[in-house]
Each structure stands twice: as C-alpha cells, then as structure tokens.
Amino acid sequence: MRLQGGGKHLFRSLRARFLFHFLALTALSLLIFGSLFAYFIWRENRRLLDQARSELVEQAKEMADDLMTALSLSRRYPEASFLNLERLAQLLRLEGKLINALSLVVDREGTVIAPRPLAPRVPRRLDADLLAEAEAKAQETEIPRLGKVMVVSLPLDQQAQEGQGEYFNLVVIKGTGELVASPASTLTRYLALAGLVALVVSVVLALYLSNYVTRPLHRLSQAAWDLAHGDLDRRVEVSGDDEIARLAEHFNYMAERIARSARLQKEFVANVSHEIRTPLTSIEGFSQALLDGVVEGEEDRKRYLEIILRESGRLKRVLSQLLSLSRIDAGAWVLHPAPLSPRAFLQGLAEKLRPRAEERGLEFSLDLAEVLPEVETDSDALEQVLTNLVDNAVKFTPPGGKVTLSADLIPGGDLRIQVRDTGKGIPPEDLERVFERFFRVERSRSQDHGGSGLGLALCRELVTLLGGRISAWSEPGRGSVFTVDLPLRPLFRG
C-alpha cells in the first residue's frame, strides 16, 4: 500500500510523468526497431541459408562427378591404379577442405569406407535414412559429436566402380552454423550496445528536457502562490516565444489585472465608504439638531430637512447602483422589451431632466431628427442609462454651459442617442477607462462632484444587455460626448 501510494504521489509530478512517458516511448521505439531489425536479419539469414544449402548440394554433385571420373579411369586402366583407398581418402580430404565440409564414401549399410583413418569425432557408420537411392538427398539432422549438421547424399554410379568395391553414396556433411558466414550475432551485440547507449542518452536528454520544461513551470507556480498570498507585484520573466513564454505573458497580464482590480477595489471601498458616510453624517447631524430643538426659525428647519432629503437621495443612488450591478453580474436582471417611440420617449425624459440642468444654470436642449422609427427596447433600462449620462453631463459642466440630448439614425440603421456637454472634458489617459467599475476621473476624496465610479459602468452593462454599444469622446476644455447606438430590433442578452 505504501508503494502504491508512493507511486501515485510520484506520478503527480509533471517531471516524473514526463520522464516516464519519454523513457517509455524511447524503450518502445527501441523495441520496435530491434524487432524489425531482428526480423530482417532472420529473413536475410534464411535466404543466405537456403542459398548455402543449394550451393552445398551443387558442390557435392561436382565432387561426385570428380569421383565418378576417377573411378571410371581406374576401371579402364587398372594397371595405372588411378584410384585406390589411399588416393580416394586424399581426394575426399582435399575437396572437403575446399568447401569446409566433411566428405565420406559409404556402402549400402552406411558404413564409412573412405577416407581412412577417420578422425575421432567422425562417426563410423551413418543412419541408412540419410542415404540416397536414385537422386541427391539433402536434410538437416543431428549427429553425435558433430552436432546439428546439413547432410547431402548422392548415389554413386555402380558401373563406374566395378572392381573397386561397393561405393554406394558420397556423403557431404557440414555444420549448419558453418553454412552461412553471417555477422548476425555480431550485429545483434552491436545493436544491443547501441540500444543501451541510446537509452542512456535518452535518460540524460529526458532529464534535461524535463528540467527545461518544468523549471519555468515551477517559477510560474511559485509566482502564482505568491500572488495568491498577497504579493500583487509578483511577476515572472518571459523568455523565448514558445507556449510556456506565452503562459508567462498571460500570467503577467493576469497579475496586472488582479493588481489593478485590487487597487480599484480599494479605491472603491474608500470612495463608497466616503459616499455613504458623508450623507449618513449629514443626516445624523441635522436630524440630531432638529431633535435637540437648536434650529431657530421655520426657514432653517426647512433647509435642514431639504439637506436630509438630498443626502438620503444620494445614499439611495449609491446603493441602487451597487444593487443593479450585482443583479447584472448574477444574471438576474430581467428585461421587458416593448415597442418604443424614440421621439415621445426622449421628449418625456427631457422634461424630467431639464430642471436639474436649469438649477445649475445650464442650458438644456433636445435635438431630434425628423424621422425616428420605432425601436424595440426596455424603456426603464434605457431611461436609467440616459439619466446617468445626463446627470454626469450636468454635474461636470460649469454654470453657463450647455447640455444637449440628441437622437438620429446612422447609416447602418441603428438609433444613435448622444449626450453632449461643454464641460471641462476628460483627460485622454482616462478616456479609455471611464466605463470601468470603480474608476473615477477625480480620484481625490475631496472631489467637487462626488460619485462612486459606478454610474458609467452600469450604463455600459445595461447598453450591452439592450444589444447596443456605448462610447465616449472628449477633449479637455471643450466637453464630452457619450454615444449610445441601439439596433431597432436587437437580440436581447438579458
């Protein structure tokens, strides 16, 4: 059980799995290569062996022809004594040496007649099954003291040997291991040695590659651990252009986003705390003053109550924005699309918003195209978007300025609604981030206009739910333009 658990723990390591699979693949490759090599060597040996057997048979036939020629001459010229037992033995030994084989002449019973004397390891008698009757006979067998051999038997011409005794067969014996001078065993040894060297090289290479792969992964893992435990400035070095380098780039990008998100959240907590605490402090202070009876005159009392009402509205607005974003994030915001007349809708909205602009000494105008077709949308969500945009325009435009709410059709067929102001504008470096949550152009708590940095983020989320797009243009000192493009028949996301 311990070994099993240890094995499981071992193979949890990427490096261990990499080494195992690399070495397994190397061993499998060597096994396949060795098997194919052995198969081809075996095939070549079989071919060479068949060829050697055929050659041995042909050599035996030539020896038999030479022997028959000598026997014929000896019968024709008996006085010359061309062939006797001694000369027969010499002939057999000489030709046997030429083909590296043992040459024998035997009678019908298989008794060896020549050469004489016989070497100790040569049998004196051969099995009759090895002898040939009418034609050459070749077979493999095992003979004591000679081992596994190839035996070729050829019948001798009886007429050519009259007066010479009964020479029944010429038998040529050659060890099967000597038939083919094959380097198979040597090649096999070399192959085994090469395989061992390749395996060692593979182990070294696998260790190097595993270190090459896992080292940056270890750095990424440690960096992720540090990042998860609060080190938001942790980054990893990016080297190369491979997948691990791209992973490091993505990690650094993620770390940047996390650090920025954490920074924005801190700013958000500080800003929202300030936004909530300020109206609560005012409400508490003026309520206490009213309760303590320190207010003199009806005019002061009315002013205190107006302050309480205004701060209550401010507090309600912050909480409403937080709740709205939370509902959108949770997918709980339900749209209620219906046909809407842009002209009537914007005229009614302008009547609601104009007093806010006039209170701050601003000119508020409505600029509508002559033809505005009906659009299908959620009027409540659209009203919340445009109210936030107009409130921002009113808030950041100094007295004497102008705020314009306009609508027309763009060439693509979408409805374009714009809110323009002549305020102080947005710095270029902040323009791309105005729709981010918690982001505020005025970052100081002593800002002039308040706000939690959620209004424009909420506008972007709502416009996206409505199937549209929102963008901003601004030039410091000249004002800002916020544009909402809505399709006439959108595919709603909410």
Protein backbone atom coordinates (compact mmCIF):
# COMPACT_ATOMS: atom_id res chain seq x y z
CA MET A 1 0.00 0.00 0.00
CA ARG A 2 2.88 2.33 0.76
CA LEU A 3 4.47 1.59 -2.58
CA GLN A 4 1.18 2.14 -4.31
CA GLY A 5 0.61 5.43 -2.52
CA GLY A 6 4.22 6.45 -3.20
CA GLY A 7 3.78 5.64 -6.88
CA LYS A 8 0.67 7.75 -7.05
CA HIS A 9 2.46 10.58 -5.30
CA LEU A 10 5.42 10.19 -7.66
CA PHE A 11 3.29 10.43 -10.79
CA ARG A 12 1.56 13.56 -9.53
CA SER A 13 4.78 15.30 -10.53
CA LEU A 14 4.81 16.61 -14.09
CA ARG A 15 8.52 15.90 -14.30
CA ALA A 16 8.05 12.26 -13.22
CA ARG A 17 5.26 11.77 -15.75
CA PHE A 18 7.36 13.43 -18.44
CA LEU A 19 10.35 11.17 -17.68
CA PHE A 20 8.17 8.06 -17.56
CA HIS A 21 6.43 8.74 -20.85
CA PHE A 22 9.63 9.85 -22.57
CA LEU A 23 11.53 6.76 -21.47
CA ALA A 24 8.56 4.51 -22.23
CA LEU A 25 8.39 5.98 -25.72
CA THR A 26 12.15 5.54 -26.14
CA ALA A 27 12.02 1.93 -24.94
CA LEU A 28 9.06 1.20 -27.20
CA SER A 29 10.88 2.74 -30.16
CA LEU A 30 13.99 0.69 -29.42
CA LEU A 31 11.87 -2.44 -29.04
CA ILE A 32 10.11 -1.86 -32.35
CA PHE A 33 13.40 -1.05 -34.07
CA GLY A 34 15.09 -4.11 -32.54
CA SER A 35 12.21 -6.37 -33.51
CA LEU A 36 12.21 -5.11 -37.09
CA PHE A 37 15.98 -5.39 -37.26
CA ALA A 38 15.89 -8.95 -35.91
CA TYR A 39 13.13 -9.86 -38.36
CA PHE A 40 15.09 -8.57 -41.34
CA ILE A 41 18.27 -10.27 -40.11
CA TRP A 42 16.30 -13.50 -39.71
CA ARG A 43 14.89 -13.17 -43.23
CA GLU A 44 18.35 -12.48 -44.64
CA ASN A 45 19.82 -15.44 -42.74
CA ARG A 46 17.07 -17.68 -44.08
CA ARG A 47 17.78 -16.51 -47.61
CA LEU A 48 21.53 -16.99 -47.20
CA LEU A 49 20.97 -20.38 -45.56
CA ASP A 50 18.78 -21.58 -48.44
CA GLN A 51 21.38 -20.31 -50.87
CA ALA A 52 24.19 -22.04 -48.93
CA ARG A 53 22.24 -25.31 -48.93
CA SER A 54 21.78 -25.11 -52.68
CA GLU A 55 25.47 -24.35 -53.12
CA LEU A 56 26.44 -27.25 -50.86
CA VAL A 57 24.29 -29.61 -52.97
CA GLU A 58 25.91 -28.33 -56.16
CA GLN A 59 29.38 -28.70 -54.65
CA ALA A 60 28.54 -32.23 -53.58
CA LYS A 61 27.40 -33.05 -57.13
CA GLU A 62 30.67 -31.71 -58.54
CA MET A 63 32.61 -33.82 -56.03
CA ALA A 64 30.55 -36.86 -57.06
CA ASP A 65 31.29 -36.17 -60.73
CA ASP A 66 35.02 -35.90 -59.97
CA LEU A 67 34.85 -39.11 -58.00
CA MET A 68 32.96 -40.94 -60.79
CA THR A 69 35.52 -39.71 -63.33
CA ALA A 70 38.35 -41.04 -61.25
CA LEU A 71 36.53 -44.37 -60.75
CA SER A 72 35.93 -44.69 -64.50
CA LEU A 73 39.57 -44.06 -65.31
CA SER A 74 40.63 -46.57 -62.67
CA ARG A 75 38.33 -49.22 -64.16
CA ARG A 76 39.52 -48.50 -67.71
CA TYR A 77 43.21 -48.56 -66.84
CA PRO A 78 43.55 -50.93 -63.90
CA GLU A 79 47.35 -51.12 -64.29
CA ALA A 80 47.60 -47.35 -63.73
CA SER A 81 45.89 -47.60 -60.37
CA PHE A 82 44.33 -44.13 -60.62
CA LEU A 83 42.19 -44.63 -57.57
CA ASN A 84 42.73 -46.76 -54.53
CA LEU A 85 41.61 -46.24 -50.97
CA GLU A 86 44.55 -44.04 -50.13
CA ARG A 87 44.04 -41.80 -53.13
CA LEU A 88 40.31 -41.78 -52.54
CA ALA A 89 40.93 -40.55 -48.99
CA GLN A 90 43.27 -37.85 -50.28
CA LEU A 91 40.69 -36.73 -52.84
CA LEU A 92 37.91 -36.61 -50.27
CA ARG A 93 40.01 -34.70 -47.76
CA LEU A 94 41.21 -32.21 -50.37
CA GLU A 95 37.79 -31.42 -51.75
CA GLY A 96 36.29 -31.37 -48.23
CA LYS A 97 38.81 -28.71 -47.26
CA LEU A 98 37.92 -26.68 -50.33
CA ILE A 99 34.28 -26.44 -49.27
CA ASN A 100 34.96 -26.62 -45.50
CA ALA A 101 32.94 -29.81 -45.13
CA LEU A 102 33.39 -33.45 -44.22
CA SER A 103 33.32 -35.79 -47.28
CA LEU A 104 32.66 -39.51 -46.85
CA VAL A 105 32.06 -42.52 -49.04
CA VAL A 106 29.76 -45.15 -47.53
CA ASP A 107 28.35 -48.55 -48.54
CA ARG A 108 24.71 -49.58 -48.53
CA GLU A 109 24.64 -50.14 -44.79
CA GLY A 110 26.03 -46.69 -44.16
CA THR A 111 29.48 -47.91 -43.11
CA VAL A 112 32.16 -45.37 -43.89
CA ILE A 113 34.63 -46.75 -46.44
CA ALA A 114 36.72 -43.67 -47.07
CA PRO A 115 38.62 -41.69 -46.04
CA ARG A 116 40.64 -43.83 -43.72
CA PRO A 117 41.70 -43.41 -41.00
CA LEU A 118 38.76 -41.45 -39.60
CA ALA A 119 39.08 -38.64 -37.13
CA PRO A 120 37.80 -39.49 -33.63
CA ARG A 121 34.73 -37.30 -33.85
CA VAL A 122 33.63 -38.69 -37.24
CA PRO A 123 31.05 -41.48 -36.97
CA ARG A 124 31.99 -44.88 -38.38
CA ARG A 125 28.51 -45.58 -39.56
CA LEU A 126 25.66 -43.34 -40.77
CA ASP A 127 21.94 -43.89 -40.45
CA ALA A 128 20.56 -45.51 -43.58
CA ASP A 129 17.79 -42.91 -43.70
CA LEU A 130 20.39 -40.32 -44.61
CA LEU A 131 21.45 -42.18 -47.77
CA ALA A 132 20.15 -41.52 -51.27
CA GLU A 133 18.86 -44.22 -53.63
CA ALA A 134 18.35 -42.60 -57.00
CA GLU A 135 18.91 -38.86 -56.66
CA ALA A 136 20.59 -36.34 -54.39
CA LYS A 137 19.16 -36.05 -50.89
CA ALA A 138 19.71 -33.10 -48.55
CA GLN A 139 18.45 -32.80 -44.98
CA GLU A 140 19.29 -31.35 -41.61
CA THR A 141 19.91 -33.72 -38.73
CA GLU A 142 21.90 -34.06 -35.54
CA ILE A 143 24.83 -36.43 -35.40
CA PRO A 144 26.56 -37.29 -32.13
CA ARG A 145 29.83 -35.39 -31.69
CA LEU A 146 29.16 -33.37 -34.83
CA GLY A 147 26.05 -31.62 -33.60
CA LYS A 148 23.46 -30.12 -35.90
CA VAL A 149 24.59 -30.60 -39.49
CA MET A 150 23.48 -30.43 -43.11
CA VAL A 151 23.87 -33.83 -44.82
CA VAL A 152 23.94 -34.15 -48.61
CA SER A 153 23.94 -37.71 -50.01
CA LEU A 154 24.46 -38.59 -53.65
CA PRO A 155 24.28 -42.10 -55.18
CA LEU A 156 27.44 -43.21 -56.99
CA ASP A 157 27.45 -44.86 -60.41
CA GLN A 158 27.88 -48.60 -59.77
CA GLN A 159 29.18 -49.28 -63.28
CA ALA A 160 31.98 -46.79 -62.89
CA GLN A 161 33.29 -48.60 -59.79
CA GLU A 162 33.45 -52.24 -60.96
CA GLY A 163 36.40 -53.89 -59.37
CA GLN A 164 36.69 -51.07 -56.82
CA GLY A 165 34.29 -52.40 -54.19
CA GLU A 166 30.83 -51.07 -53.39
CA TYR A 167 30.90 -47.28 -53.07
CA PHE A 168 27.20 -46.64 -52.54
CA ASN A 169 26.96 -42.94 -51.57
CA LEU A 170 29.05 -39.84 -51.40
CA VAL A 171 28.04 -38.04 -48.22
CA VAL A 172 28.96 -34.41 -47.59
CA ILE A 173 28.42 -33.17 -44.01
CA LYS A 174 28.67 -29.55 -42.96
CA GLY A 175 27.68 -27.88 -39.71
CA THR A 176 24.63 -25.67 -40.05
CA GLY A 177 26.47 -22.92 -38.20
CA GLU A 178 29.14 -23.01 -40.95
CA LEU A 179 26.76 -22.84 -43.88
CA VAL A 180 26.47 -19.05 -43.66
CA ALA A 181 29.28 -16.82 -42.52
CA SER A 182 26.67 -14.45 -41.07
CA PRO A 183 27.54 -11.48 -38.85
CA ALA A 184 24.09 -11.73 -37.22
CA SER A 185 25.41 -12.44 -33.75
CA THR A 186 27.94 -9.62 -34.04
CA LEU A 187 25.28 -7.26 -35.37
CA THR A 188 22.98 -8.29 -32.52
CA ARG A 189 25.66 -7.46 -29.98
CA TYR A 190 26.32 -4.12 -31.65
CA LEU A 191 22.60 -3.47 -31.75
CA ALA A 192 22.23 -4.23 -28.04
CA LEU A 193 25.18 -1.96 -27.26
CA ALA A 194 23.76 0.83 -29.45
CA GLY A 195 20.36 0.40 -27.78
CA LEU A 196 21.95 0.71 -24.34
CA VAL A 197 23.83 3.84 -25.39
CA ALA A 198 20.62 5.27 -26.90
CA LEU A 199 18.75 4.54 -23.67
CA VAL A 200 21.40 6.28 -21.57
CA VAL A 201 21.39 9.27 -23.93
CA SER A 202 17.58 9.30 -23.75
CA VAL A 203 17.67 9.37 -19.95
CA VAL A 204 20.12 12.30 -19.98
CA LEU A 205 18.07 14.08 -22.64
CA ALA A 206 14.83 13.42 -20.75
CA LEU A 207 16.32 14.86 -17.56
CA TYR A 208 17.47 17.94 -19.44
CA LEU A 209 14.15 18.41 -21.23
CA SER A 210 12.17 17.83 -18.05
CA ASN A 211 14.23 20.48 -16.29
CA TYR A 212 13.84 22.78 -19.29
CA VAL A 213 10.05 22.36 -19.23
CA THR A 214 9.39 22.20 -15.51
CA ARG A 215 11.77 24.94 -14.33
CA PRO A 216 9.67 27.80 -15.78
CA LEU A 217 6.54 25.99 -14.61
CA HIS A 218 7.96 25.89 -11.09
CA ARG A 219 8.63 29.62 -11.34
CA LEU A 220 5.08 30.19 -12.55
CA SER A 221 3.72 28.00 -9.76
CA GLN A 222 5.72 29.90 -7.12
CA ALA A 223 4.67 33.22 -8.62
CA ALA A 224 1.01 32.13 -8.57
CA TRP A 225 1.40 31.10 -4.92
CA ASP A 226 2.95 34.46 -4.05
CA LEU A 227 0.24 36.29 -5.97
CA ALA A 228 -2.48 34.31 -4.21
CA HIS A 229 -0.95 35.24 -0.84
CA GLY A 230 -0.95 38.97 -1.42
CA ASP A 231 2.21 39.73 -3.37
CA LEU A 232 0.44 41.65 -6.13
CA ASP A 233 3.73 42.92 -7.58
CA ARG A 234 4.91 39.38 -8.35
CA ARG A 235 5.85 38.84 -12.00
CA VAL A 236 7.73 36.18 -13.95
CA GLU A 237 10.46 36.63 -16.51
CA VAL A 238 9.38 35.97 -20.09
CA SER A 239 11.99 34.36 -22.34
CA GLY A 240 11.51 32.78 -25.75
CA ASP A 241 8.44 32.55 -27.92
CA ASP A 242 7.01 29.14 -27.05
CA GLU A 243 3.86 28.07 -25.20
CA ILE A 244 5.49 28.49 -21.78
CA ALA A 245 6.59 32.01 -22.70
CA ARG A 246 3.04 32.84 -23.75
CA LEU A 247 1.80 31.32 -20.49
CA ALA A 248 4.20 33.59 -18.61
CA GLU A 249 2.94 36.58 -20.59
CA HIS A 250 -0.66 35.64 -19.77
CA PHE A 251 0.28 35.21 -16.10
CA ASN A 252 1.85 38.67 -16.01
CA TYR A 253 -1.21 40.10 -17.75
CA MET A 254 -3.46 38.36 -15.23
CA ALA A 255 -1.31 39.67 -12.37
CA GLU A 256 -1.58 43.19 -13.79
CA ARG A 257 -5.35 42.85 -13.99
CA ILE A 258 -5.57 41.47 -10.47
CA ALA A 259 -3.34 44.23 -9.10
CA ARG A 260 -5.36 46.86 -10.91
CA SER A 261 -8.62 45.30 -9.78
CA ALA A 262 -7.38 45.20 -6.20
CA ARG A 263 -6.29 48.81 -6.45
CA LEU A 264 -9.64 49.84 -7.90
CA GLN A 265 -11.49 47.88 -5.25
CA LYS A 266 -9.52 49.64 -2.54
CA GLU A 267 -10.35 52.95 -4.14
CA PHE A 268 -13.95 51.82 -4.49
CA VAL A 269 -14.22 50.82 -0.85
CA ALA A 270 -12.70 54.14 0.17
CA ASN A 271 -14.93 56.12 -2.18
CA VAL A 272 -18.12 54.23 -1.38
CA SER A 273 -17.34 54.43 2.34
CA HIS A 274 -16.92 58.15 1.90
CA GLU A 275 -20.06 58.42 -0.23
CA ILE A 276 -22.10 56.50 2.33
CA ARG A 277 -20.53 58.04 5.40
CA THR A 278 -20.92 61.65 4.19
CA PRO A 279 -24.71 61.59 3.70
CA LEU A 280 -25.16 59.48 6.84
CA THR A 281 -23.14 62.02 8.82
CA SER A 282 -25.20 64.87 7.40
CA ILE A 283 -28.46 63.03 8.03
CA GLU A 284 -27.41 62.20 11.57
CA GLY A 285 -26.18 65.70 12.36
CA PHE A 286 -29.16 67.61 11.03
CA SER A 287 -31.63 65.12 12.48
CA GLN A 288 -29.99 65.48 15.88
CA ALA A 289 -30.15 69.26 15.57
CA LEU A 290 -33.85 69.08 14.82
CA LEU A 291 -34.46 66.71 17.71
CA ASP A 292 -32.48 68.87 20.13
CA GLY A 293 -34.51 71.93 19.16
CA VAL A 294 -31.46 74.03 18.33
CA VAL A 295 -32.97 75.11 14.98
CA GLU A 296 -34.28 78.65 15.09
CA GLY A 297 -36.99 79.61 12.67
CA GLU A 298 -39.04 77.74 10.13
CA GLU A 299 -36.66 78.64 7.31
CA ASP A 300 -33.68 76.91 8.96
CA ARG A 301 -35.82 73.91 9.81
CA LYS A 302 -36.92 73.61 6.18
CA ARG A 303 -33.32 73.91 4.98
CA TYR A 304 -32.22 71.14 7.34
CA LEU A 305 -34.98 68.88 6.10
CA GLU A 306 -34.02 69.58 2.50
CA ILE A 307 -30.44 68.63 3.27
CA ILE A 308 -31.61 65.42 4.91
CA LEU A 309 -33.76 64.62 1.88
CA ARG A 310 -30.94 65.37 -0.58
CA GLU A 311 -28.39 63.26 1.31
CA SER A 312 -30.91 60.44 1.61
CA GLY A 313 -31.32 60.52 -2.17
CA ARG A 314 -27.56 60.46 -2.62
CA LEU A 315 -27.26 57.44 -0.36
CA LYS A 316 -30.12 55.72 -2.13
CA ARG A 317 -28.49 56.32 -5.52
CA VAL A 318 -25.20 54.68 -4.49
CA LEU A 319 -26.95 51.65 -3.06
CA SER A 320 -29.17 51.39 -6.13
CA GLN A 321 -26.16 51.34 -8.45
CA LEU A 322 -24.49 48.64 -6.39
CA LEU A 323 -27.65 46.55 -6.38
CA SER A 324 -28.11 46.98 -10.15
CA LEU A 325 -24.57 45.85 -10.95
CA SER A 326 -24.95 42.92 -8.60
CA ARG A 327 -28.15 41.83 -10.36
CA ILE A 328 -26.50 42.10 -13.78
CA ASP A 329 -23.49 40.08 -12.65
CA ALA A 330 -25.78 37.40 -11.26
CA GLY A 331 -27.81 37.29 -14.49
CA ALA A 332 -30.90 38.30 -12.55
CA TRP A 333 -31.66 41.47 -14.46
CA VAL A 334 -34.82 40.84 -16.46
CA LEU A 335 -35.51 43.00 -19.49
CA HIS A 336 -39.01 43.87 -20.61
CA PRO A 337 -38.64 44.86 -24.26
CA ALA A 338 -41.53 46.57 -25.99
CA PRO A 339 -42.03 48.86 -28.99
CA LEU A 340 -40.94 52.39 -28.14
CA SER A 341 -41.30 55.71 -29.94
CA PRO A 342 -37.92 57.45 -29.53
CA ARG A 343 -39.38 60.91 -30.08
CA ALA A 344 -42.07 60.64 -27.40
CA PHE A 345 -39.70 58.84 -25.02
CA LEU A 346 -36.91 61.41 -25.31
CA GLN A 347 -39.30 64.36 -25.09
CA GLY A 348 -40.73 62.97 -21.85
CA LEU A 349 -37.25 62.26 -20.48
CA ALA A 350 -36.11 65.79 -21.34
CA GLU A 351 -38.98 67.26 -19.33
CA LYS A 352 -37.80 65.28 -16.30
CA LEU A 353 -34.13 66.19 -16.67
CA ARG A 354 -34.35 69.84 -17.70
CA PRO A 355 -35.00 71.16 -14.15
CA ARG A 356 -31.74 69.60 -12.90
CA ALA A 357 -29.76 71.41 -15.58
CA GLU A 358 -31.53 74.71 -15.03
CA GLU A 359 -30.90 74.51 -11.28
CA ARG A 360 -27.17 74.58 -12.06
CA GLY A 361 -27.54 77.46 -14.53
CA LEU A 362 -27.16 75.31 -17.64
CA GLU A 363 -28.92 75.39 -20.97
CA PHE A 364 -30.61 72.06 -21.75
CA SER A 365 -31.70 71.34 -25.32
CA LEU A 366 -33.29 68.44 -27.18
CA ASP A 367 -32.22 67.81 -30.79
CA LEU A 368 -34.24 65.10 -32.59
CA ALA A 369 -34.14 64.02 -36.24
CA GLU A 370 -37.30 64.45 -38.28
CA VAL A 371 -37.72 60.69 -38.79
CA LEU A 372 -37.15 58.37 -35.85
CA PRO A 373 -38.60 54.90 -36.39
CA GLU A 374 -39.96 52.78 -33.61
CA VAL A 375 -37.39 50.76 -31.66
CA GLU A 376 -37.91 47.65 -29.58
CA THR A 377 -36.16 48.04 -26.24
CA ASP A 378 -36.60 48.17 -22.47
CA SER A 379 -37.61 51.74 -21.70
CA ASP A 380 -36.73 51.52 -17.99
CA ALA A 381 -33.17 50.37 -18.68
CA LEU A 382 -32.71 52.94 -21.43
CA GLU A 383 -34.05 55.69 -19.18
CA GLN A 384 -31.60 54.69 -16.44
CA VAL A 385 -28.71 54.86 -18.93
CA LEU A 386 -29.64 58.25 -20.33
CA THR A 387 -30.43 59.67 -16.87
CA ASN A 388 -26.95 58.68 -15.67
CA LEU A 389 -25.34 60.24 -18.74
CA VAL A 390 -27.28 63.49 -18.43
CA ASP A 391 -26.61 63.65 -14.68
CA ASN A 392 -22.88 63.29 -15.36
CA ALA A 393 -23.03 65.99 -18.04
CA VAL A 394 -24.88 68.35 -15.68
CA LYS A 395 -22.51 67.54 -12.84
CA PHE A 396 -19.30 68.26 -14.79
CA THR A 397 -20.48 71.29 -16.79
CA PRO A 398 -19.91 74.65 -15.12
CA PRO A 399 -22.74 77.25 -14.92
CA GLY A 400 -23.41 78.92 -18.24
CA GLY A 401 -22.62 75.75 -20.17
CA LYS A 402 -24.86 73.64 -22.33
CA VAL A 403 -26.12 70.04 -22.27
CA THR A 404 -27.72 68.54 -25.38
CA LEU A 405 -29.69 65.32 -25.74
CA SER A 406 -29.95 64.28 -29.40
CA ALA A 407 -31.16 61.33 -31.49
CA ASP A 408 -30.94 60.35 -35.15
CA LEU A 409 -30.43 57.34 -37.43
CA ILE A 410 -26.95 56.30 -38.53
CA PRO A 411 -26.24 54.75 -41.97
CA GLY A 412 -26.28 51.21 -40.58
CA GLY A 413 -29.89 51.67 -39.49
CA ASP A 414 -29.22 51.86 -35.75
CA LEU A 415 -30.67 54.52 -33.49
CA ARG A 416 -27.96 56.82 -32.16
CA ILE A 417 -28.60 58.79 -28.96
CA GLN A 418 -25.97 61.26 -27.79
CA VAL A 419 -25.46 63.34 -24.66
CA ARG A 420 -23.18 66.35 -25.26
CA ASP A 421 -21.84 68.83 -22.76
CA THR A 422 -19.50 71.79 -22.74
CA GLY A 423 -17.78 70.84 -19.51
CA LYS A 424 -14.10 70.56 -18.71
CA GLY A 425 -13.74 67.21 -20.53
CA ILE A 426 -11.90 64.01 -19.70
CA PRO A 427 -8.09 63.61 -19.93
CA PRO A 428 -7.03 61.31 -22.82
CA GLU A 429 -5.31 58.86 -20.47
CA ASP A 430 -8.59 58.37 -18.58
CA LEU A 431 -10.96 58.24 -21.54
CA GLU A 432 -10.46 54.52 -22.22
CA ARG A 433 -11.19 53.65 -18.60
CA VAL A 434 -14.27 55.72 -17.85
CA PHE A 435 -16.54 52.67 -18.26
CA GLU A 436 -14.53 50.55 -15.81
CA ARG A 437 -16.10 49.82 -12.48
CA PHE A 438 -14.83 51.86 -9.56
CA PHE A 439 -12.87 54.16 -11.85
CA ARG A 440 -13.19 57.88 -11.19
CA VAL A 441 -11.59 60.69 -13.14
CA GLU A 442 -11.45 62.68 -9.89
CA ARG A 443 -9.67 60.26 -7.58
CA SER A 444 -9.36 62.52 -4.57
CA ARG A 445 -11.90 62.24 -1.77
CA SER A 446 -12.06 65.99 -1.79
CA GLN A 447 -13.51 65.92 -5.30
CA ASP A 448 -16.06 68.54 -6.22
CA HIS A 449 -18.74 66.32 -7.67
CA GLY A 450 -18.83 63.10 -5.67
CA GLY A 451 -19.77 59.78 -7.19
CA SER A 452 -18.68 56.21 -6.63
CA GLY A 453 -17.38 55.42 -10.11
CA LEU A 454 -20.25 53.04 -10.85
CA GLY A 455 -22.59 55.14 -12.99
CA LEU A 456 -20.83 54.74 -16.35
CA ALA A 457 -20.01 51.09 -15.64
CA LEU A 458 -23.70 50.48 -15.04
CA CYS A 459 -24.51 52.30 -18.31
CA ARG A 460 -22.17 50.02 -20.25
CA GLU A 461 -23.66 46.86 -18.74
CA LEU A 462 -27.23 47.98 -19.43
CA VAL A 463 -26.48 49.05 -23.02
CA THR A 464 -24.83 45.69 -23.62
CA LEU A 465 -27.95 43.94 -22.30
CA LEU A 466 -30.01 46.01 -24.72
CA GLY A 467 -27.87 44.76 -27.60
CA GLY A 468 -26.19 48.10 -28.23
CA ARG A 469 -22.86 49.87 -27.85
CA ILE A 470 -21.71 52.84 -25.81
CA SER A 471 -18.67 55.01 -26.46
CA ALA A 472 -17.18 58.29 -25.31
CA TRP A 473 -15.33 61.18 -26.92
CA SER A 474 -13.85 64.06 -25.05
CA GLU A 475 -11.42 66.92 -25.39
CA PRO A 476 -10.24 68.74 -22.28
CA GLY A 477 -11.66 72.25 -22.20
CA ARG A 478 -14.26 71.58 -24.92
CA GLY A 479 -16.54 68.99 -23.33
CA SER A 480 -17.56 65.38 -23.83
CA VAL A 481 -19.90 63.33 -25.99
CA PHE A 482 -21.35 59.99 -24.86
CA THR A 483 -22.92 57.94 -27.67
CA VAL A 484 -25.39 55.07 -27.37
CA ASP A 485 -26.10 53.05 -30.55
CA LEU A 486 -29.15 50.77 -30.36
CA PRO A 487 -30.38 48.35 -33.05
CA LEU A 488 -34.02 48.77 -33.93
CA ARG A 489 -34.70 45.05 -33.46
CA PRO A 490 -31.98 43.73 -31.16
CA LEU A 491 -31.26 40.24 -29.87
CA PHE A 492 -31.50 40.84 -26.15
CA ARG A 493 -28.91 39.38 -23.79
CA GLY A 494 -30.99 39.90 -20.68
